[in-house]
């Protein structure tokens, strides 16, 4: 939700872009991601996803099933090739981020 709030606070640059155009751009970005799966952070793709959220829509996941499968395979292989110390470091980081997220959610409800 923080990403959506950040995007909205920057002025919703994609607000007037037709939905079909956003879908096409998102699909193109997802297909490009497969060619370089190390580059998982893409601000343009994130902004499009935020705009979809604000419109009450989902990205067209059904159009990139093969791409998601390819990225999932890449991630699975990367995890398998990590040593135990790296896995522990990542698990600790994920746990810390989850605690931060849950703490933020709790404070927003109060």
C-alpha atoms as a PDB file:
ATOM      1  CA  UNK A   1       0.000   0.000   0.000  1.00  0.00           C
ATOM      2  CA  UNK A   2       2.949   2.311   0.627  1.00  0.00           C
ATOM      3  CA  UNK A   3       3.877   2.137  -3.062  1.00  0.00           C
ATOM      4  CA  UNK A   4       0.370   3.231  -4.040  1.00  0.00           C
ATOM      5  CA  UNK A   5       0.466   6.116  -1.573  1.00  0.00           C
ATOM      6  CA  UNK A   6       3.879   7.193  -2.858  1.00  0.00           C
ATOM      7  CA  UNK A   7       2.685   7.035  -6.469  1.00  0.00           C
ATOM      8  CA  UNK A   8      -0.469   9.026  -5.671  1.00  0.00           C
ATOM      9  CA  UNK A   9       1.533  11.633  -3.741  1.00  0.00           C
ATOM     10  CA  UNK A  10       3.690  12.139  -6.843  1.00  0.00           C
ATOM     11  CA  UNK A  11       0.596  13.156  -8.804  1.00  0.00           C
ATOM     12  CA  UNK A  12      -0.596   9.961 -10.546  1.00  0.00           C
ATOM     13  CA  UNK A  13       1.308  10.585 -13.776  1.00  0.00           C
ATOM     14  CA  UNK A  14      -0.598   7.753 -15.501  1.00  0.00           C
ATOM     15  CA  UNK A  15      -4.080   8.807 -14.415  1.00  0.00           C
ATOM     16  CA  UNK A  16      -5.166   9.914 -17.894  1.00  0.00           C
ATOM     17  CA  UNK A  17      -3.494   7.063 -19.787  1.00  0.00           C
ATOM     18  CA  UNK A  18      -6.093   4.714 -21.312  1.00  0.00           C
ATOM     19  CA  UNK A  19      -6.342   1.346 -19.578  1.00  0.00           C
ATOM     20  CA  UNK A  20      -5.565  -0.591 -22.766  1.00  0.00           C
ATOM     21  CA  UNK A  21      -2.351   1.385 -23.187  1.00  0.00           C
ATOM     22  CA  UNK A  22      -1.359   0.690 -19.575  1.00  0.00           C
ATOM     23  CA  UNK A  23      -2.019  -3.009 -20.118  1.00  0.00           C
ATOM     24  CA  UNK A  24       0.175  -3.040 -23.207  1.00  0.00           C
ATOM     25  CA  UNK A  25       3.007  -1.198 -21.481  1.00  0.00           C
ATOM     26  CA  UNK A  26       2.807  -3.466 -18.431  1.00  0.00           C
ATOM     27  CA  UNK A  27       2.921  -6.612 -20.592  1.00  0.00           C
ATOM     28  CA  UNK A  28       5.930  -5.246 -22.500  1.00  0.00           C
ATOM     29  CA  UNK A  29       7.733  -4.490 -19.229  1.00  0.00           C
ATOM     30  CA  UNK A  30       6.969  -7.963 -17.879  1.00  0.00           C
ATOM     31  CA  UNK A  31       8.310  -9.563 -21.059  1.00  0.00           C
ATOM     32  CA  UNK A  32      11.453  -7.435 -20.819  1.00  0.00           C
ATOM     33  CA  UNK A  33      11.895  -8.559 -17.206  1.00  0.00           C
ATOM     34  CA  UNK A  34      12.279 -12.160 -18.355  1.00  0.00           C
ATOM     35  CA  UNK A  35      15.320 -11.197 -20.434  1.00  0.00           C
ATOM     36  CA  UNK A  36      16.960  -9.706 -17.319  1.00  0.00           C
ATOM     37  CA  UNK A  37      15.360 -11.223 -14.201  1.00  0.00           C
ATOM     38  CA  UNK A  38      17.989  -9.633 -11.932  1.00  0.00           C
ATOM     39  CA  UNK A  39      16.292  -6.284 -12.562  1.00  0.00           C
ATOM     40  CA  UNK A  40      13.140  -6.987 -10.580  1.00  0.00           C
ATOM     41  CA  UNK A  41      12.700  -3.387  -9.400  1.00  0.00           C
ATOM     42  CA  UNK A  42      11.219  -1.356 -12.192  1.00  0.00           C
ATOM     43  CA  UNK A  43       9.733   2.011 -11.195  1.00  0.00           C
ATOM     44  CA  UNK A  44       7.717   2.277 -14.404  1.00  0.00           C
ATOM     45  CA  UNK A  45       6.152  -1.149 -13.896  1.00  0.00           C
ATOM     46  CA  UNK A  46       5.481  -0.318 -10.240  1.00  0.00           C
ATOM     47  CA  UNK A  47       3.731   2.936 -11.195  1.00  0.00           C
ATOM     48  CA  UNK A  48       1.527   1.119 -13.705  1.00  0.00           C
ATOM     49  CA  UNK A  49       0.613  -1.464 -11.062  1.00  0.00           C
ATOM     50  CA  UNK A  50      -0.240   1.349  -8.634  1.00  0.00           C
ATOM     51  CA  UNK A  51      -2.432   3.014 -11.235  1.00  0.00           C
ATOM     52  CA  UNK A  52      -4.246  -0.287 -11.801  1.00  0.00           C
ATOM     53  CA  UNK A  53      -4.820  -0.531  -8.044  1.00  0.00           C
ATOM     54  CA  UNK A  54      -6.231   2.990  -7.875  1.00  0.00           C
ATOM     55  CA  UNK A  55      -8.579   2.148 -10.761  1.00  0.00           C
ATOM     56  CA  UNK A  56      -9.721  -1.009  -8.980  1.00  0.00           C
ATOM     57  CA  UNK A  57      -8.172  -3.196 -11.681  1.00  0.00           C
ATOM     58  CA  UNK A  58      -5.614  -5.984 -11.801  1.00  0.00           C
ATOM     59  CA  UNK A  59      -2.729  -6.103 -14.264  1.00  0.00           C
ATOM     60  CA  UNK A  60      -3.386  -8.559 -17.109  1.00  0.00           C
ATOM     61  CA  UNK A  61      -1.579 -11.471 -15.481  1.00  0.00           C
ATOM     62  CA  UNK A  62      -3.216 -13.898 -17.891  1.00  0.00           C
ATOM     63  CA  UNK A  63      -1.167 -12.344 -20.705  1.00  0.00           C
ATOM     64  CA  UNK A  64       2.192 -13.087 -19.065  1.00  0.00           C
ATOM     65  CA  UNK A  65       1.774 -16.586 -17.629  1.00  0.00           C
ATOM     66  CA  UNK A  66       4.854 -17.908 -19.453  1.00  0.00           C
ATOM     67  CA  UNK A  67       6.902 -14.939 -18.283  1.00  0.00           C
ATOM     68  CA  UNK A  68       5.898 -15.481 -14.652  1.00  0.00           C
ATOM     69  CA  UNK A  69       6.831 -19.144 -14.944  1.00  0.00           C
ATOM     70  CA  UNK A  70      10.255 -18.229 -16.379  1.00  0.00           C
ATOM     71  CA  UNK A  71      10.948 -15.717 -13.603  1.00  0.00           C
ATOM     72  CA  UNK A  72       9.757 -18.216 -10.984  1.00  0.00           C
ATOM     73  CA  UNK A  73      12.179 -20.814 -12.366  1.00  0.00           C
ATOM     74  CA  UNK A  74      15.007 -18.267 -12.265  1.00  0.00           C
ATOM     75  CA  UNK A  75      14.243 -17.360  -8.646  1.00  0.00           C
ATOM     76  CA  UNK A  76      13.961 -21.022  -7.613  1.00  0.00           C
ATOM     77  CA  UNK A  77      17.328 -21.804  -9.182  1.00  0.00           C
ATOM     78  CA  UNK A  78      18.924 -18.769  -7.535  1.00  0.00           C
ATOM     79  CA  UNK A  79      17.633 -19.873  -4.130  1.00  0.00           C
ATOM     80  CA  UNK A  80      18.870 -23.428  -4.665  1.00  0.00           C
ATOM     81  CA  UNK A  81      22.349 -22.094  -5.467  1.00  0.00           C
ATOM     82  CA  UNK A  82      22.605 -19.907  -2.342  1.00  0.00           C
ATOM     83  CA  UNK A  83      24.759 -21.028   0.529  1.00  0.00           C
ATOM     84  CA  UNK A  84      23.201 -21.399   3.979  1.00  0.00           C
ATOM     85  CA  UNK A  85      24.637 -18.104   5.251  1.00  0.00           C
ATOM     86  CA  UNK A  86      23.018 -16.178   2.399  1.00  0.00           C
ATOM     87  CA  UNK A  87      19.693 -17.939   2.969  1.00  0.00           C
ATOM     88  CA  UNK A  88      19.857 -17.040   6.670  1.00  0.00           C
ATOM     89  CA  UNK A  89      20.650 -13.402   5.843  1.00  0.00           C
ATOM     90  CA  UNK A  90      17.688 -13.165   3.472  1.00  0.00           C
ATOM     91  CA  UNK A  91      15.334 -14.893   5.927  1.00  0.00           C
ATOM     92  CA  UNK A  92      16.366 -12.427   8.629  1.00  0.00           C
ATOM     93  CA  UNK A  93      15.774  -9.500   6.286  1.00  0.00           C
ATOM     94  CA  UNK A  94      12.335 -10.791   5.261  1.00  0.00           C
ATOM     95  CA  UNK A  95      11.353 -11.358   8.889  1.00  0.00           C
ATOM     96  CA  UNK A  96      12.456  -7.834   9.785  1.00  0.00           C
ATOM     97  CA  UNK A  97      10.487  -6.313   6.911  1.00  0.00           C
ATOM     98  CA  UNK A  98       7.426  -8.345   7.890  1.00  0.00           C
ATOM     99  CA  UNK A  99       7.622  -7.089  11.472  1.00  0.00           C
ATOM    100  CA  UNK A 100       7.943  -3.498  10.205  1.00  0.00           C
ATOM    101  CA  UNK A 101       4.978  -3.991   7.881  1.00  0.00           C
ATOM    102  CA  UNK A 102       2.776  -5.545  10.548  1.00  0.00           C
ATOM    103  CA  UNK A 103       3.719  -2.819  13.035  1.00  0.00           C
ATOM    104  CA  UNK A 104       2.736  -0.188  10.488  1.00  0.00           C
ATOM    105  CA  UNK A 105      -0.565  -1.907   9.777  1.00  0.00           C
ATOM    106  CA  UNK A 106      -1.353  -2.099  13.481  1.00  0.00           C
ATOM    107  CA  UNK A 107      -0.596   1.603  14.036  1.00  0.00           C
ATOM    108  CA  UNK A 108      -2.786   2.591  11.060  1.00  0.00           C
ATOM    109  CA  UNK A 109      -5.734   0.694  12.546  1.00  0.00           C
ATOM    110  CA  UNK A 110      -5.429   2.451  15.909  1.00  0.00           C
END
